[in-house]
Amino acid sequence: MNQFKENHFPFSALEGQKSLQTALLLGAIDPLIGGVLIDGPRGTAKSTAARGLADLLDGGRLVDLPLAASEEQLIGSLNIEVALQDGRVDFKPGLLAAADNGVLYVDEVNLLADHLVDALLDVCASGINRIERDGISHQHPTRFVLIGTMNPEEGELRPQLLDRFGLYLQLPSQIEPSVRQRIVKVRLAFDHDPVAFIARFQAEQNTLRERLKQARKRLTDIEFTDEVTNKAAGICYHANVEGVRADLTLLRAARAHAAWKEHDDIDNEDLQAVKDWVLNHRQREPSKAPTVDRSPTFSAFDTSSDMASDNWTDSEQPLQDHADSSRKQGWGAMASQTPDIALIEPTKRLWAGKRPKK
């Protein structure tokens, strides 16, 4: 019997990927956020982070979805002959069932067939996998952390599918020399002696694992107050997004962030920390967005007292405060903002070919 166990790089040992780590942790705290899509070039620790996150979950289950997978391999299959002859459902579980309580990882999800992406996003958002064949149906619960990665050089993901991913991060192609050095040093140490390296980070891994478990328990105790839902509505309105999927995702992600930070309620810090990941792949062209007052831009992980305050910025007042200002300001381009380094122009490609000629 083969006793070999693969050694995974510890999640807590990742260098230079704080935004990526936090986004993945939020997806693990509340899988109904709808998954995390990581857009970035090769060699930016996307798969390493996914495997590391799985190690923090009970069971450490990581299920890879191959690009050549069939629909039956993904959702499972029903034996119609058994159903017709014996009157019972004979269900063969697929990868969605195997990923329950773990991580479902899709590398190069932009190359996966659209109908498979659509199916896995449906299940990720509902927590229920439904299979129907020739009038026979079966369903089962499955709750997993969906992590998709893509390299824009190898193809785009259709906007309709992109919108359905809960959180979206674009990793920078260039890494500062000092950060590169730290990344290389820890990777060389891991490759030299994986067992010793993992042992060195064991205490941090255990602390992170317990904190994740407690955040999951704390999640349902945090309420969506009228003030917070109104705040989220104002943020999404001024981001000029379609529908209310962004509102729902923003609230869920902010609640997960509050649980992670051990907050009793969702506050401005939680909303500011996640809004770029929720909105940047859902915003429409700037020319169609309402003009708003310029206000300070915060990076997703700014811990300054200004961001942590409960005062809303002028451009994000609750909806009832915008009626007069919208009439005065009219319509035009959104105020420019400086993105977080891990979120550099994530919507630039989505608007390609649609910008007005100068």
Foldseek 3Di string as FASTA:
>chain_A
DDPDDDFADALVLDFPPPLVLLVLLLCLLPLLLQAEEEEEDPPPCQVSNQQNVLVLFVPSDEAEDDLPDDPCQAQWDWDVVCCVPVVDTDTGGHRQQSQARGEYEYEACQSHDPVSLVQVSVCSNVQKRWDDDPRDIDMDGGYHHYYYYHYVVVDDHDLVSLLSHSFYWYADHDDDPVRVVSNVVLVVVCVVPVVVSCVVCVVVSVVVSVLSVQLSVLLVQEDCDPQNLLLLVLLQQQLAFPDCSLSVSLVSSLSSVCSSVVHNYRAQLSSLLGNCRSRLSGGDDQFFGAEFDDDDRDENPDPDPVRVDRDDTRSRDGPVVCPVVRVVRDGGGYDDDDYDNRHPNVCPVVCVPPDDDD
